[in-house]
Protein backbone atom coordinates (compact mmCIF):
# COMPACT_ATOMS: atom_id res chain seq x y z
CA UNK A 1 0.00 0.00 0.00
CA UNK A 2 2.85 2.37 0.89
CA UNK A 3 4.51 1.66 -2.44
CA UNK A 4 1.26 2.46 -4.29
CA UNK A 5 0.90 5.78 -2.42
CA UNK A 6 4.55 6.61 -3.06
CA UNK A 7 4.19 5.82 -6.76
CA UNK A 8 0.96 7.87 -6.93
CA UNK A 9 2.65 10.89 -5.34
CA UNK A 10 5.60 10.51 -7.69
CA UNK A 11 3.30 10.26 -10.71
CA UNK A 12 1.28 13.29 -9.58
CA UNK A 13 4.46 15.33 -9.07
CA UNK A 14 5.70 14.31 -12.53
CA UNK A 15 2.40 15.35 -14.11
CA UNK A 16 2.46 18.72 -12.31
CA UNK A 17 6.05 19.40 -13.40
CA UNK A 18 5.23 18.35 -16.97
CA UNK A 19 2.19 20.65 -17.12
CA UNK A 20 4.11 23.62 -15.72
CA UNK A 21 7.14 23.13 -17.97
CA UNK A 22 5.20 22.51 -21.19
CA UNK A 23 2.81 25.38 -20.50
CA UNK A 24 5.82 27.69 -20.41
CA UNK A 25 6.58 26.95 -24.06
CA UNK A 26 3.45 25.64 -25.83
CA UNK A 27 -0.11 26.04 -24.65
CA UNK A 28 -3.60 25.36 -25.94
CA UNK A 29 -6.06 28.23 -26.30
CA UNK A 30 -9.77 28.47 -27.11
CA UNK A 31 -11.12 31.24 -29.36
CA UNK A 32 -14.29 32.59 -27.71
CA UNK A 33 -15.19 35.59 -29.92
CA UNK A 34 -15.60 36.29 -33.66
CA UNK A 35 -13.18 39.24 -33.74
CA UNK A 36 -10.64 37.36 -35.92
CA UNK A 37 -13.09 35.75 -38.36
CA UNK A 38 -12.59 34.55 -41.04
CA UNK A 39 -8.91 34.01 -40.16
CA UNK A 40 -9.74 32.28 -36.86
CA UNK A 41 -13.25 31.04 -36.07
CA UNK A 42 -15.11 30.79 -32.78
CA UNK A 43 -14.54 27.24 -31.58
CA UNK A 44 -11.04 26.90 -33.02
CA UNK A 45 -8.53 25.40 -30.58
CA UNK A 46 -5.02 26.76 -31.08
CA UNK A 47 -1.52 25.72 -30.08
CA UNK A 48 0.33 28.84 -28.91
CA UNK A 49 4.09 29.28 -29.30
CA UNK A 50 5.04 31.06 -26.05
CA UNK A 51 8.78 30.52 -26.44
CA UNK A 52 9.31 32.99 -29.28
CA UNK A 53 8.47 36.14 -27.26
CA UNK A 54 10.00 34.97 -24.00
CA UNK A 55 8.45 31.91 -22.41
CA UNK A 56 7.12 32.33 -18.91
CA UNK A 57 6.34 29.82 -16.23
CA UNK A 58 2.64 29.99 -15.27
CA UNK A 59 1.77 33.24 -13.52
CA UNK A 60 -1.66 32.03 -12.40
CA UNK A 61 -3.05 28.79 -11.00
CA UNK A 62 -5.05 27.25 -13.88
CA UNK A 63 -8.76 28.20 -13.94
CA UNK A 64 -8.28 30.80 -11.19
CA UNK A 65 -7.13 34.41 -10.78
CA UNK A 66 -4.59 33.41 -8.11
CA UNK A 67 -1.16 34.76 -9.03
CA UNK A 68 2.03 32.67 -8.78
CA UNK A 69 5.70 33.68 -8.64
CA UNK A 70 6.94 33.21 -12.18
CA UNK A 71 10.03 33.51 -14.34
CA UNK A 72 10.22 34.85 -17.90
CA UNK A 73 12.89 33.54 -20.29
CA UNK A 74 14.62 35.88 -22.78
CA UNK A 75 12.71 36.43 -26.03
CA UNK A 76 13.99 35.00 -29.30
CA UNK A 77 12.57 38.02 -31.12
CA UNK A 78 10.01 40.80 -30.79
CA UNK A 79 6.49 40.87 -32.33
CA UNK A 80 6.23 41.93 -35.97
CA UNK A 81 3.70 44.10 -37.77
CA UNK A 82 0.65 42.18 -39.05
CA UNK A 83 1.52 39.14 -36.93
CA UNK A 84 -1.29 37.41 -35.04
CA UNK A 85 -0.60 37.73 -31.32
CA UNK A 86 -1.96 36.13 -28.16
CA UNK A 87 -1.91 38.51 -25.20
CA UNK A 88 -3.41 39.02 -21.80
CA UNK A 89 -6.19 41.61 -22.07
CA UNK A 90 -4.96 44.67 -20.13
CA UNK A 91 -8.45 45.94 -19.24
CA UNK A 92 -10.86 48.53 -20.51
CA UNK A 93 -9.86 52.11 -21.24
CA UNK A 94 -10.10 53.36 -17.64
CA UNK A 95 -9.54 50.05 -15.85
CA UNK A 96 -6.35 49.48 -13.84
CA UNK A 97 -6.47 45.73 -14.47
CA UNK A 98 -8.95 43.36 -16.04
CA UNK A 99 -11.17 41.69 -13.41
CA UNK A 100 -10.55 38.27 -14.98
CA UNK A 101 -7.47 36.64 -16.48
CA UNK A 102 -8.36 36.63 -20.18
CA UNK A 103 -6.14 35.84 -23.14
CA UNK A 104 -7.17 37.42 -26.44
CA UNK A 105 -6.10 36.91 -30.04
CA UNK A 106 -5.70 39.88 -32.42
CA UNK A 107 -3.46 41.06 -35.24
CA UNK A 108 -0.62 43.42 -34.29
CA UNK A 109 -0.98 46.38 -36.67
CA UNK A 110 1.53 48.78 -35.14
CA UNK A 111 4.73 48.52 -33.08
CA UNK A 112 6.28 50.84 -30.48
CA UNK A 113 7.09 54.18 -32.13
CA UNK A 114 4.84 53.59 -35.15
CA UNK A 115 2.11 56.01 -36.21
CA UNK A 116 -1.20 54.39 -37.08
CA UNK A 117 -4.07 55.98 -38.96
CA UNK A 118 -7.32 54.58 -40.36
CA UNK A 119 -8.94 56.38 -43.28
CA UNK A 120 -12.34 55.12 -44.42
CA UNK A 121 -11.57 51.65 -42.96
CA UNK A 122 -8.12 51.50 -44.66
CA UNK A 123 -5.17 51.15 -42.26
CA UNK A 124 -1.97 53.18 -42.71
CA UNK A 125 1.17 52.66 -40.62
CA UNK A 126 3.91 55.28 -40.85
CA UNK A 127 2.00 56.83 -43.80
CA UNK A 128 2.13 53.54 -45.76
CA UNK A 129 -0.90 51.39 -46.48
CA UNK A 130 -0.86 48.34 -44.22
CA UNK A 131 -1.09 44.90 -45.90
CA UNK A 132 -4.66 43.61 -46.03
CA UNK A 133 -5.12 40.22 -44.31
CA UNK A 134 -6.21 37.49 -46.72
CA UNK A 135 -9.36 36.75 -44.73
CA UNK A 136 -10.30 40.26 -43.63
CA UNK A 137 -14.02 40.63 -42.96
CA UNK A 138 -16.30 43.68 -42.96
CA UNK A 139 -19.85 43.44 -41.66
CA UNK A 140 -20.87 46.52 -43.60
CA UNK A 141 -19.34 48.82 -46.20
CA UNK A 142 -21.08 51.79 -44.60
CA UNK A 143 -18.38 54.15 -43.30
CA UNK A 144 -18.56 56.46 -40.30
CA UNK A 145 -17.40 59.84 -41.56
CA UNK A 146 -14.30 61.63 -40.28
CA UNK A 147 -15.17 63.82 -37.29
CA UNK A 148 -18.15 61.64 -36.32
CA UNK A 149 -17.02 60.92 -32.75
CA UNK A 150 -17.60 57.54 -31.14
CA UNK A 151 -17.54 58.07 -27.37
CA UNK A 152 -16.27 54.51 -26.85
CA UNK A 153 -13.10 55.14 -28.85
CA UNK A 154 -9.63 55.41 -27.27
CA UNK A 155 -8.53 58.00 -26.37
CA UNK A 156 -11.81 59.71 -25.53
CA UNK A 157 -10.31 63.18 -25.94
CA UNK A 158 -10.18 62.66 -29.73
CA UNK A 159 -13.04 63.06 -32.22
CA UNK A 160 -12.39 59.68 -33.85
CA UNK A 161 -14.37 56.59 -34.73
CA UNK A 162 -13.43 53.01 -35.69
CA UNK A 163 -13.48 53.79 -39.46
CA UNK A 164 -11.60 57.10 -39.33
CA UNK A 165 -9.02 56.95 -36.57
CA UNK A 166 -5.81 58.76 -35.73
CA UNK A 167 -3.09 59.55 -36.50
CA UNK A 168 -1.92 58.06 -33.22
CA UNK A 169 1.72 57.44 -32.18
CA UNK A 170 2.25 54.12 -30.40
CA UNK A 171 4.29 54.81 -27.26
CA UNK A 172 7.63 53.12 -26.65
CA UNK A 173 9.90 52.59 -23.68
CA UNK A 174 11.80 55.76 -22.81
CA UNK A 175 9.33 58.16 -24.41
CA UNK A 176 8.91 61.36 -22.40
CA UNK A 177 5.23 62.28 -22.15
CA UNK A 178 4.44 65.94 -21.43
CA UNK A 179 1.41 65.94 -19.15
CA UNK A 180 -1.25 68.63 -19.10
CA UNK A 181 -4.74 68.95 -17.66
CA UNK A 182 -5.96 68.48 -21.23
CA UNK A 183 -4.29 65.09 -21.82
CA UNK A 184 -3.85 63.57 -18.36
CA UNK A 185 -6.99 61.41 -18.71
CA UNK A 186 -5.48 59.88 -21.87
CA UNK A 187 -2.36 58.80 -19.94
CA UNK A 188 -3.62 58.18 -16.42
CA UNK A 189 -4.50 54.50 -16.89
CA UNK A 190 -1.20 53.71 -18.62
CA UNK A 191 0.84 55.37 -15.85
CA UNK A 192 -1.21 53.68 -13.12
CA UNK A 193 -0.68 50.29 -14.79
CA UNK A 194 3.08 50.82 -14.93
CA UNK A 195 3.02 51.32 -11.15
CA UNK A 196 0.45 48.49 -10.78
CA UNK A 197 -1.65 50.81 -8.62
CA UNK A 198 -3.44 54.15 -8.86
CA UNK A 199 -0.81 56.87 -8.55
CA UNK A 200 -2.08 59.72 -10.76
CA UNK A 201 -4.13 62.42 -9.04
CA UNK A 202 -4.96 66.07 -9.60
CA UNK A 203 -4.83 68.36 -6.58
CA UNK A 204 -5.32 72.14 -6.67
CA UNK A 205 -4.89 72.04 -10.44
CA UNK A 206 -1.57 70.20 -10.20
CA UNK A 207 -0.81 66.74 -11.62
CA UNK A 208 0.70 64.40 -9.04
CA UNK A 209 2.35 61.04 -9.74
CA UNK A 210 2.75 58.94 -6.62
CA UNK A 211 2.36 62.09 -4.53
CA UNK A 212 4.97 64.10 -6.43
CA UNK A 213 4.06 67.10 -8.60
CA UNK A 214 5.01 66.38 -12.21
CA UNK A 215 4.35 67.67 -15.72
CA UNK A 216 6.12 64.80 -17.49
CA UNK A 217 6.45 61.03 -17.36
CA UNK A 218 8.96 58.62 -18.94
CA UNK A 219 7.39 55.35 -20.07
CA UNK A 220 8.82 52.09 -18.70
CA UNK A 221 7.47 49.74 -21.37
CA UNK A 222 6.93 49.27 -25.08
CA UNK A 223 3.34 49.19 -26.34
CA UNK A 224 1.51 47.60 -29.27
CA UNK A 225 -1.72 48.25 -31.20
CA UNK A 226 -3.95 45.20 -31.77
CA UNK A 227 -6.96 44.97 -34.12
CA UNK A 228 -9.15 42.04 -35.16
CA UNK A 229 -9.50 40.89 -38.79
CA UNK A 230 -13.29 41.10 -38.40
CA UNK A 231 -12.94 44.86 -38.44
CA UNK A 232 -16.56 45.86 -37.76
CA UNK A 233 -17.06 43.30 -34.98
CA UNK A 234 -13.83 43.54 -33.01
CA UNK A 235 -13.37 45.05 -29.57
CA UNK A 236 -9.71 46.02 -29.85
CA UNK A 237 -7.07 48.74 -29.35
CA UNK A 238 -9.30 51.28 -31.10
CA UNK A 239 -11.60 51.03 -28.07
CA UNK A 240 -9.45 50.18 -25.04
CA UNK A 241 -5.92 51.25 -25.96
CA UNK A 242 -2.44 49.77 -26.06
CA UNK A 243 -1.10 46.35 -25.08
CA UNK A 244 2.07 46.54 -22.93
CA UNK A 245 4.96 44.25 -23.88
CA UNK A 246 4.70 42.28 -20.65
CA UNK A 247 1.17 41.19 -21.59
CA UNK A 248 2.22 39.54 -24.85
CA UNK A 249 2.16 35.76 -24.49
CA UNK A 250 2.92 34.26 -27.89
CA UNK A 251 1.70 33.61 -31.39
CA UNK A 252 -0.67 30.85 -32.57
CA UNK A 253 0.96 28.05 -34.55
CA UNK A 254 -1.77 25.69 -35.65
CA UNK A 255 -5.45 24.87 -35.20
CA UNK A 256 -5.50 21.44 -33.55
CA UNK A 257 -9.29 21.19 -33.20
CA UNK A 258 -12.36 23.08 -34.39
CA UNK A 259 -16.09 22.76 -33.85
CA UNK A 260 -19.16 24.88 -33.17
CA UNK A 261 -18.65 25.80 -29.53
CA UNK A 262 -22.13 27.34 -29.37
CA UNK A 263 -23.58 23.82 -29.25
CA UNK A 264 -23.81 22.65 -25.60
CA UNK A 265 -22.14 19.44 -24.39
CA UNK A 266 -25.63 18.16 -23.55
CA UNK A 267 -26.03 17.59 -27.31
CA UNK A 268 -22.92 15.46 -27.99
CA UNK A 269 -24.02 14.05 -31.35
CA UNK A 270 -24.86 17.50 -32.70
CA UNK A 271 -21.61 18.87 -31.28
CA UNK A 272 -19.40 16.21 -32.87
CA UNK A 273 -21.23 16.50 -36.17
CA UNK A 274 -20.16 20.17 -36.21
CA UNK A 275 -16.42 19.31 -36.24
CA UNK A 276 -14.68 21.34 -38.97
CA UNK A 277 -12.36 18.67 -40.32
CA UNK A 278 -10.95 21.02 -42.96
CA UNK A 279 -9.60 23.33 -40.24
CA UNK A 280 -7.85 20.72 -38.10
CA UNK A 281 -4.02 20.99 -38.35
CA UNK A 282 -4.36 24.20 -40.36
CA UNK A 283 -1.54 26.73 -39.93
CA UNK A 284 -2.55 30.15 -38.56
CA UNK A 285 -1.42 33.02 -40.79
């Protein structure tokens, strides 16, 4: 009996180590929203290459929001323009941190230091037309005119909408931001997130960062601009802002399984009949 218990403990420890080590380099991910259709469909299961951007040991206990001490390995390279990226959602426009631990999939349209602009749904990066994804999808060809402000758009101080947006410079590490009462709301959340707590306040007309009066701030991280291929049905950087480098997890490699995830498990025959065989083992591009 003792030998059985000892072997069971040893097996359990081996499984735990295997899960933690493998999850640092390759991980499975479920696609829950249609923001990347038709490139990636709801119900696709993806293998994620986490090693390329700096593999990390798990930072959360699986299926919980409980943080763990973790280590990040050096990156092999940095994200590229137009690459599909998996990242931890940083939170809404004025949210210090997302309430849940959610990993999203979008296309990286602009890198740190780039200038992005959208004119009548067409994306320009550094004044050059951005390559159009092969499976880009528009729900409507109706265009919101320039100057027609969408109050949900980031940053809210600008009179932009999702079809006519920018120009906006993507911030990079080391950038000095001149702060004023007119732009502090655009930068408050980013600064607070870099401190991992709320540090920006306004007292007697003065801007304070962590209790110190300041009219400038030097950024500690690089940032990226993510947009879905389903351009009219994507909640992305146009609405909630930049993705910090530390939130980038990896890039999808392959679709290892795909079915209609809207069908409940209580209907197993209908669920299995929805398997998209033609998508299994398909490379993600």
